[in-house]
Amino acid sequence: MHIPDGYLGPETYGSFWAATLALWYLAGRKLKKTLKATDAPLLALGAAASFVVMMFNVPIVGGTTGHATGATLLAVVLGPWAAFICMSIALAVQALLFGDGGITTYGANCFNMAFAGVFAGWAAYRLLAGSCASASKKRLLFAAGSGAYFGINVAAFLTAIELGIQPILERGADGKPLYNPFPLKITIPAIMAGHLTLFGFAEAAFTVLSIAYIIKSHPELICGTIAGNRAGEKQQ
């Protein structure tokens, strides 16, 4: 889902830069109230885990790539706002040091994966998991896997839309697309086919296996209050 430079026009990537800057500011305000110094190592590990899993990219027709993200996993363990920051850091390192995702499109990539993917997966997880204190392990794992599958596909769909509208928004005097040349009828099926059938299940499997290990070894991370996550709920 990393969109490279040159595929989004200034109107599109500028809008996403503005939106993401506002979200970073909001995340900073929220985490300033809830984040503890002892949470810092977990945040660093979360950013590292997201970075590693997103490095396994598979090119997709339509101007982007397919891969797992770890978004819902981070949201479950760290809380959605902390997960948003962790993934933003991972995406910045990838863009600046590895050329994985563009600089101009960094705001859009963060919005799609670090914000929309995280919060969509988190919402689905919370809906299905119910109260952590009373939920069974199977229910938590099902909720985490379902949230992961839903979250990554929401992020993929947004990516497909952003790429697919470029031939409509940005055309030269000769009528040819200035940026991404593929229309919605190509970007949506090309990107969603891979995520609905392959990358979504890979994301779900990675999340379920990771959550199962965490429940066994450190259950307090699932039902605790790391980075303000699930404040007020009891630990298992």
C-alpha atoms as a PDB file:
ATOM      1  CA  MET A   1       0.000   0.000   0.000  1.00  0.00           C
ATOM      2  CA  HIS A   2       3.011   2.296  -0.143  1.00  0.00           C
ATOM      3  CA  ILE A   3       2.290   4.954  -2.754  1.00  0.00           C
ATOM      4  CA  PRO A   4       5.513   6.229  -4.388  1.00  0.00           C
ATOM      5  CA  ASP A   5       6.287   9.777  -5.431  1.00  0.00           C
ATOM      6  CA  GLY A   6       4.810  10.837  -8.738  1.00  0.00           C
ATOM      7  CA  TYR A   7       1.547   8.939  -8.428  1.00  0.00           C
ATOM      8  CA  LEU A   8      -0.513  11.560  -6.558  1.00  0.00           C
ATOM      9  CA  GLY A   9      -1.017  15.147  -7.677  1.00  0.00           C
ATOM     10  CA  PRO A  10      -0.324  18.166  -5.423  1.00  0.00           C
ATOM     11  CA  GLU A  11      -3.993  18.665  -4.574  1.00  0.00           C
ATOM     12  CA  THR A  12      -4.258  15.110  -3.289  1.00  0.00           C
ATOM     13  CA  TYR A  13      -0.998  14.691  -1.433  1.00  0.00           C
ATOM     14  CA  GLY A  14      -1.194  18.247  -0.063  1.00  0.00           C
ATOM     15  CA  SER A  15      -4.634  17.543   1.406  1.00  0.00           C
ATOM     16  CA  PHE A  16      -3.409  14.373   3.057  1.00  0.00           C
ATOM     17  CA  TRP A  17      -0.352  16.126   4.470  1.00  0.00           C
ATOM     18  CA  ALA A  18      -2.648  18.682   6.075  1.00  0.00           C
ATOM     19  CA  ALA A  19      -5.020  16.044   7.465  1.00  0.00           C
ATOM     20  CA  THR A  20      -2.211  13.875   8.811  1.00  0.00           C
ATOM     21  CA  LEU A  21      -0.439  16.812  10.452  1.00  0.00           C
ATOM     22  CA  ALA A  22      -3.662  17.569  12.321  1.00  0.00           C
ATOM     23  CA  LEU A  23      -3.956  13.915  13.362  1.00  0.00           C
ATOM     24  CA  TRP A  24      -0.358  13.829  14.605  1.00  0.00           C
ATOM     25  CA  TYR A  25      -1.060  16.900  16.710  1.00  0.00           C
ATOM     26  CA  LEU A  26      -4.194  15.271  18.151  1.00  0.00           C
ATOM     27  CA  ALA A  27      -2.322  12.028  18.826  1.00  0.00           C
ATOM     28  CA  GLY A  28       0.430  13.935  20.606  1.00  0.00           C
ATOM     29  CA  ARG A  29      -2.076  15.668  22.876  1.00  0.00           C
ATOM     30  CA  LYS A  30      -3.816  12.406  23.725  1.00  0.00           C
ATOM     31  CA  LEU A  31      -0.617  10.462  24.396  1.00  0.00           C
ATOM     32  CA  LYS A  32       0.833  13.284  26.490  1.00  0.00           C
ATOM     33  CA  LYS A  33      -1.979  12.664  28.967  1.00  0.00           C
ATOM     34  CA  THR A  34      -1.787   8.862  29.040  1.00  0.00           C
ATOM     35  CA  LEU A  35       1.684   7.733  28.015  1.00  0.00           C
ATOM     36  CA  LYS A  36       4.081   6.658  30.732  1.00  0.00           C
ATOM     37  CA  ALA A  37       7.872   6.623  30.558  1.00  0.00           C
ATOM     38  CA  THR A  38       7.807   2.855  31.085  1.00  0.00           C
ATOM     39  CA  ASP A  39       5.771   2.484  27.883  1.00  0.00           C
ATOM     40  CA  ALA A  40       8.590   3.827  25.692  1.00  0.00           C
ATOM     41  CA  PRO A  41      10.267   0.424  25.082  1.00  0.00           C
ATOM     42  CA  LEU A  42       6.940  -1.030  23.916  1.00  0.00           C
ATOM     43  CA  LEU A  43       6.421   1.856  21.532  1.00  0.00           C
ATOM     44  CA  ALA A  44       9.892   1.339  20.102  1.00  0.00           C
ATOM     45  CA  LEU A  45       9.228  -2.388  19.688  1.00  0.00           C
ATOM     46  CA  GLY A  46       5.890  -1.613  18.058  1.00  0.00           C
ATOM     47  CA  ALA A  47       7.479   0.728  15.522  1.00  0.00           C
ATOM     48  CA  ALA A  48      10.197  -1.850  14.805  1.00  0.00           C
ATOM     49  CA  ALA A  49       7.665  -4.657  14.360  1.00  0.00           C
ATOM     50  CA  SER A  50       5.592  -2.567  11.977  1.00  0.00           C
ATOM     51  CA  PHE A  51       8.694  -1.602  10.021  1.00  0.00           C
ATOM     52  CA  VAL A  52       9.802  -5.219   9.606  1.00  0.00           C
ATOM     53  CA  VAL A  53       6.439  -6.638   8.564  1.00  0.00           C
ATOM     54  CA  MET A  54       5.835  -3.832   6.039  1.00  0.00           C
ATOM     55  CA  MET A  55       9.195  -4.449   4.365  1.00  0.00           C
ATOM     56  CA  PHE A  56       7.872  -7.630   2.749  1.00  0.00           C
ATOM     57  CA  ASN A  57       6.355  -5.833  -0.245  1.00  0.00           C
ATOM     58  CA  VAL A  58       4.770  -7.398  -3.298  1.00  0.00           C
ATOM     59  CA  PRO A  59       4.241  -5.056  -6.311  1.00  0.00           C
ATOM     60  CA  ILE A  60       0.624  -4.681  -7.439  1.00  0.00           C
ATOM     61  CA  VAL A  61      -0.707  -3.390 -10.738  1.00  0.00           C
ATOM     62  CA  GLY A  62      -2.137   0.076 -10.168  1.00  0.00           C
ATOM     63  CA  GLY A  63       0.833   1.909  -8.698  1.00  0.00           C
ATOM     64  CA  THR A  64       1.401   0.471  -5.227  1.00  0.00           C
ATOM     65  CA  THR A  65       2.385  -2.628  -3.239  1.00  0.00           C
ATOM     66  CA  GLY A  66       0.744  -5.240  -1.038  1.00  0.00           C
ATOM     67  CA  HIS A  67       1.944  -6.321   2.380  1.00  0.00           C
ATOM     68  CA  ALA A  68       0.924  -6.868   5.997  1.00  0.00           C
ATOM     69  CA  THR A  69       1.107  -3.876   8.371  1.00  0.00           C
ATOM     70  CA  GLY A  70       0.623  -5.039  11.960  1.00  0.00           C
ATOM     71  CA  ALA A  71      -1.838  -2.163  12.466  1.00  0.00           C
ATOM     72  CA  THR A  72      -4.483  -3.989  14.504  1.00  0.00           C
ATOM     73  CA  LEU A  73      -1.867  -5.845  16.528  1.00  0.00           C
ATOM     74  CA  LEU A  74      -0.310  -2.543  17.601  1.00  0.00           C
ATOM     75  CA  ALA A  75      -3.726  -1.035  18.331  1.00  0.00           C
ATOM     76  CA  VAL A  76      -4.668  -3.956  20.596  1.00  0.00           C
ATOM     77  CA  VAL A  77      -1.414  -3.830  22.547  1.00  0.00           C
ATOM     78  CA  LEU A  78      -0.633  -0.110  22.559  1.00  0.00           C
ATOM     79  CA  GLY A  79      -3.933   1.593  21.844  1.00  0.00           C
ATOM     80  CA  PRO A  80      -4.913   3.133  18.500  1.00  0.00           C
ATOM     81  CA  TRP A  81      -3.269   6.547  18.944  1.00  0.00           C
ATOM     82  CA  ALA A  82       0.049   5.053  20.014  1.00  0.00           C
ATOM     83  CA  ALA A  83      -0.193   2.592  17.116  1.00  0.00           C
ATOM     84  CA  PHE A  84      -0.766   5.529  14.760  1.00  0.00           C
ATOM     85  CA  ILE A  85       2.461   7.168  15.923  1.00  0.00           C
ATOM     86  CA  CYS A  86       4.443   3.916  15.787  1.00  0.00           C
ATOM     87  CA  MET A  87       3.394   3.177  12.231  1.00  0.00           C
ATOM     88  CA  SER A  88       4.039   6.767  11.165  1.00  0.00           C
ATOM     89  CA  ILE A  89       7.611   6.432  12.424  1.00  0.00           C
ATOM     90  CA  ALA A  90       8.071   3.137  10.603  1.00  0.00           C
ATOM     91  CA  LEU A  91       6.718   4.641   7.390  1.00  0.00           C
ATOM     92  CA  ALA A  92       9.048   7.631   7.734  1.00  0.00           C
ATOM     93  CA  VAL A  93      12.105   5.375   8.054  1.00  0.00           C
ATOM     94  CA  GLN A  94      11.006   3.337   5.051  1.00  0.00           C
ATOM     95  CA  ALA A  95      10.435   6.425   2.909  1.00  0.00           C
ATOM     96  CA  LEU A  96      13.626   8.258   3.906  1.00  0.00           C
ATOM     97  CA  LEU A  97      16.112   5.377   4.021  1.00  0.00           C
ATOM     98  CA  PHE A  98      14.691   2.702   1.730  1.00  0.00           C
ATOM     99  CA  GLY A  99      12.617   4.596  -0.819  1.00  0.00           C
ATOM    100  CA  ASP A 100       9.599   2.523   0.175  1.00  0.00           C
ATOM    101  CA  GLY A 101       6.775   5.012  -0.276  1.00  0.00           C
ATOM    102  CA  GLY A 102       7.310   8.578  -1.380  1.00  0.00           C
ATOM    103  CA  ILE A 103       8.119  11.778   0.490  1.00  0.00           C
ATOM    104  CA  THR A 104       5.318  13.780  -1.113  1.00  0.00           C
ATOM    105  CA  THR A 105       2.924  10.866  -0.549  1.00  0.00           C
ATOM    106  CA  TYR A 106       4.053  10.231   3.030  1.00  0.00           C
ATOM    107  CA  GLY A 107       0.987  11.999   4.453  1.00  0.00           C
ATOM    108  CA  ALA A 108      -1.344   9.852   2.347  1.00  0.00           C
ATOM    109  CA  ASN A 109       0.494   6.647   3.255  1.00  0.00           C
ATOM    110  CA  CYS A 110       0.283   7.516   6.949  1.00  0.00           C
ATOM    111  CA  PHE A 111      -3.394   8.377   6.667  1.00  0.00           C
ATOM    112  CA  ASN A 112      -4.216   5.128   4.866  1.00  0.00           C
ATOM    113  CA  MET A 113      -2.169   2.664   6.883  1.00  0.00           C
ATOM    114  CA  ALA A 114      -1.296   4.312  10.186  1.00  0.00           C
ATOM    115  CA  PHE A 115      -4.621   6.060  10.799  1.00  0.00           C
ATOM    116  CA  ALA A 116      -7.465   4.498   8.803  1.00  0.00           C
ATOM    117  CA  GLY A 117      -6.055   0.961   8.934  1.00  0.00           C
ATOM    118  CA  VAL A 118      -5.376   1.195  12.666  1.00  0.00           C
ATOM    119  CA  PHE A 119      -8.695   2.706  13.697  1.00  0.00           C
ATOM    120  CA  ALA A 120     -10.788   0.514  11.384  1.00  0.00           C
ATOM    121  CA  GLY A 121      -9.106  -2.616  12.719  1.00  0.00           C
ATOM    122  CA  TRP A 122      -9.374  -1.361  16.304  1.00  0.00           C
ATOM    123  CA  ALA A 123     -13.090  -0.570  15.935  1.00  0.00           C
ATOM    124  CA  ALA A 124     -13.845  -4.017  14.514  1.00  0.00           C
ATOM    125  CA  TYR A 125     -11.784  -5.666  17.249  1.00  0.00           C
ATOM    126  CA  ARG A 126     -13.540  -3.774  20.049  1.00  0.00           C
ATOM    127  CA  LEU A 127     -16.949  -4.518  18.545  1.00  0.00           C
ATOM    128  CA  LEU A 128     -16.271  -8.262  18.372  1.00  0.00           C
ATOM    129  CA  ALA A 129     -14.199  -8.659  21.544  1.00  0.00           C
ATOM    130  CA  GLY A 130     -16.569  -6.908  23.910  1.00  0.00           C
ATOM    131  CA  SER A 131     -15.267  -6.613  27.462  1.00  0.00           C
ATOM    132  CA  CYS A 132     -11.727  -7.899  27.684  1.00  0.00           C
ATOM    133  CA  ALA A 133     -12.176  -8.962  31.299  1.00  0.00           C
ATOM    134  CA  SER A 134     -14.928 -11.435  30.406  1.00  0.00           C
ATOM    135  CA  ALA A 135     -13.940 -12.423  26.842  1.00  0.00           C
ATOM    136  CA  SER A 136     -12.517 -15.874  26.190  1.00  0.00           C
ATOM    137  CA  LYS A 137      -9.182 -16.365  24.483  1.00  0.00           C
ATOM    138  CA  LYS A 138     -10.913 -17.686  21.367  1.00  0.00           C
ATOM    139  CA  ARG A 139     -13.130 -14.631  21.191  1.00  0.00           C
ATOM    140  CA  LEU A 140     -10.180 -12.265  21.564  1.00  0.00           C
ATOM    141  CA  LEU A 141      -8.249 -14.069  18.839  1.00  0.00           C
ATOM    142  CA  PHE A 142     -11.254 -14.109  16.497  1.00  0.00           C
ATOM    143  CA  ALA A 143     -11.807 -10.408  17.121  1.00  0.00           C
ATOM    144  CA  ALA A 144      -8.144  -9.596  16.541  1.00  0.00           C
ATOM    145  CA  GLY A 145      -7.979 -11.593  13.310  1.00  0.00           C
ATOM    146  CA  SER A 146     -11.210 -10.113  12.002  1.00  0.00           C
ATOM    147  CA  GLY A 147     -10.109  -6.607  12.921  1.00  0.00           C
ATOM    148  CA  ALA A 148      -6.781  -7.115  11.184  1.00  0.00           C
ATOM    149  CA  TYR A 149      -8.452  -8.365   8.006  1.00  0.00           C
ATOM    150  CA  PHE A 150     -10.922  -5.480   7.999  1.00  0.00           C
ATOM    151  CA  GLY A 151      -8.359  -2.800   8.828  1.00  0.00           C
ATOM    152  CA  ILE A 152      -5.873  -3.679   6.104  1.00  0.00           C
ATOM    153  CA  ASN A 153      -8.627  -3.826   3.496  1.00  0.00           C
ATOM    154  CA  VAL A 154      -9.941  -0.410   4.515  1.00  0.00           C
ATOM    155  CA  ALA A 155      -6.423   0.975   4.067  1.00  0.00           C
ATOM    156  CA  ALA A 156      -6.084  -0.790   0.702  1.00  0.00           C
ATOM    157  CA  PHE A 157      -9.438   0.549  -0.498  1.00  0.00           C
ATOM    158  CA  LEU A 158      -8.493   4.124   0.368  1.00  0.00           C
ATOM    159  CA  THR A 159      -5.218   3.667  -1.504  1.00  0.00           C
ATOM    160  CA  ALA A 160      -7.074   2.382  -4.560  1.00  0.00           C
ATOM    161  CA  ILE A 161      -9.470   5.349  -4.486  1.00  0.00           C
ATOM    162  CA  GLU A 162      -6.685   7.920  -4.139  1.00  0.00           C
ATOM    163  CA  LEU A 163      -4.753   6.443  -7.030  1.00  0.00           C
ATOM    164  CA  GLY A 164      -7.800   5.873  -9.203  1.00  0.00           C
ATOM    165  CA  ILE A 165      -9.072   9.459  -9.035  1.00  0.00           C
ATOM    166  CA  GLN A 166      -5.803  10.951 -10.288  1.00  0.00           C
ATOM    167  CA  PRO A 167      -6.703  10.609 -14.007  1.00  0.00           C
ATOM    168  CA  ILE A 168      -9.857  12.594 -13.179  1.00  0.00           C
ATOM    169  CA  LEU A 169      -8.199  15.305 -11.085  1.00  0.00           C
ATOM    170  CA  GLU A 170      -4.878  15.798 -12.848  1.00  0.00           C
ATOM    171  CA  ARG A 171      -4.693  15.959 -16.653  1.00  0.00           C
ATOM    172  CA  GLY A 172      -2.396  17.817 -18.989  1.00  0.00           C
ATOM    173  CA  ALA A 173      -3.381  20.080 -21.867  1.00  0.00           C
ATOM    174  CA  ASP A 174      -3.389  17.037 -24.133  1.00  0.00           C
ATOM    175  CA  GLY A 175      -5.863  15.249 -21.837  1.00  0.00           C
ATOM    176  CA  LYS A 176      -3.382  12.660 -20.639  1.00  0.00           C
ATOM    177  CA  PRO A 177      -3.016  11.884 -16.883  1.00  0.00           C
ATOM    178  CA  LEU A 178      -0.141  13.763 -15.253  1.00  0.00           C
ATOM    179  CA  TYR A 179       0.321  11.334 -12.378  1.00  0.00           C
ATOM    180  CA  ASN A 180      -1.126   7.862 -11.817  1.00  0.00           C
ATOM    181  CA  PRO A 181      -2.512   6.803 -15.204  1.00  0.00           C
ATOM    182  CA  PHE A 182      -4.733   3.974 -13.972  1.00  0.00           C
ATOM    183  CA  PRO A 183      -8.446   4.756 -13.420  1.00  0.00           C
ATOM    184  CA  LEU A 184     -10.671   3.423 -10.633  1.00  0.00           C
ATOM    185  CA  LYS A 185     -11.800   0.488 -12.765  1.00  0.00           C
ATOM    186  CA  ILE A 186      -8.204  -0.758 -12.661  1.00  0.00           C
ATOM    187  CA  THR A 187      -6.930   0.372  -9.259  1.00  0.00           C
ATOM    188  CA  ILE A 188      -9.833  -0.935  -7.176  1.00  0.00           C
ATOM    189  CA  PRO A 189      -9.928  -4.520  -8.510  1.00  0.00           C
ATOM    190  CA  ALA A 190      -6.140  -4.736  -8.872  1.00  0.00           C
ATOM    191  CA  ILE A 191      -5.404  -3.602  -5.318  1.00  0.00           C
ATOM    192  CA  MET A 192      -8.408  -5.128  -3.552  1.00  0.00           C
ATOM    193  CA  ALA A 193      -8.098  -8.547  -5.174  1.00  0.00           C
ATOM    194  CA  GLY A 194      -4.713  -9.120  -3.582  1.00  0.00           C
ATOM    195  CA  HIS A 195      -5.718  -7.774  -0.189  1.00  0.00           C
ATOM    196  CA  LEU A 196      -9.051  -9.559   0.007  1.00  0.00           C
ATOM    197  CA  THR A 197      -7.590 -12.921  -0.978  1.00  0.00           C
ATOM    198  CA  LEU A 198      -3.966 -12.877   0.229  1.00  0.00           C
ATOM    199  CA  PHE A 199      -2.623  -9.950   2.212  1.00  0.00           C
ATOM    200  CA  GLY A 200      -5.712  -9.660   4.414  1.00  0.00           C
ATOM    201  CA  PHE A 201      -5.407 -13.278   5.527  1.00  0.00           C
ATOM    202  CA  ALA A 202      -1.652 -12.885   6.022  1.00  0.00           C
ATOM    203  CA  GLU A 203      -2.340  -9.858   8.225  1.00  0.00           C
ATOM    204  CA  ALA A 204      -4.979 -11.780  10.179  1.00  0.00           C
ATOM    205  CA  ALA A 205      -2.704 -14.792  10.683  1.00  0.00           C
ATOM    206  CA  PHE A 206       0.216 -12.619  11.815  1.00  0.00           C
ATOM    207  CA  THR A 207      -2.040 -10.784  14.244  1.00  0.00           C
ATOM    208  CA  VAL A 208      -3.680 -13.899  15.688  1.00  0.00           C
ATOM    209  CA  LEU A 209      -0.368 -15.695  16.222  1.00  0.00           C
ATOM    210  CA  SER A 210       1.153 -12.631  17.850  1.00  0.00           C
ATOM    211  CA  ILE A 211      -1.850 -12.014  20.109  1.00  0.00           C
ATOM    212  CA  ALA A 212      -1.943 -15.692  21.115  1.00  0.00           C
ATOM    213  CA  TYR A 213       1.691 -15.497  22.201  1.00  0.00           C
ATOM    214  CA  ILE A 214       1.109 -12.249  24.090  1.00  0.00           C
ATOM    215  CA  ILE A 215      -1.950 -13.657  25.889  1.00  0.00           C
ATOM    216  CA  LYS A 216       0.153 -16.605  27.006  1.00  0.00           C
ATOM    217  CA  SER A 217       3.254 -14.684  28.046  1.00  0.00           C
ATOM    218  CA  HIS A 218       2.084 -11.156  28.913  1.00  0.00           C
ATOM    219  CA  PRO A 219      -1.725 -11.035  29.187  1.00  0.00           C
ATOM    220  CA  GLU A 220      -1.562  -7.628  30.867  1.00  0.00           C
ATOM    221  CA  LEU A 221      -0.593  -6.135  27.511  1.00  0.00           C
ATOM    222  CA  ILE A 222      -3.931  -7.204  26.047  1.00  0.00           C
ATOM    223  CA  CYS A 223      -6.176  -5.998  28.849  1.00  0.00           C
ATOM    224  CA  GLY A 224      -3.903  -3.491  30.521  1.00  0.00           C
ATOM    225  CA  THR A 225      -3.590   0.266  30.144  1.00  0.00           C
ATOM    226  CA  ILE A 226      -0.486   0.541  27.965  1.00  0.00           C
ATOM    227  CA  ALA A 227      -0.422   4.000  26.395  1.00  0.00           C
ATOM    228  CA  GLY A 228      -3.938   4.649  27.641  1.00  0.00           C
ATOM    229  CA  ASN A 229      -5.298   1.490  26.036  1.00  0.00           C
ATOM    230  CA  ARG A 230      -8.601   0.297  27.551  1.00  0.00           C
ATOM    231  CA  ALA A 231      -8.437   2.567  30.527  1.00  0.00           C
ATOM    232  CA  GLY A 232     -10.655   1.386  33.311  1.00  0.00           C
ATOM    233  CA  GLU A 233     -10.788  -2.289  32.325  1.00  0.00           C
ATOM    234  CA  LYS A 234      -9.484  -4.965  34.612  1.00  0.00           C
ATOM    235  CA  GLN A 235      -6.525  -7.128  33.765  1.00  0.00           C
ATOM    236  CA  GLN A 236      -7.051 -10.790  33.023  1.00  0.00           C
END
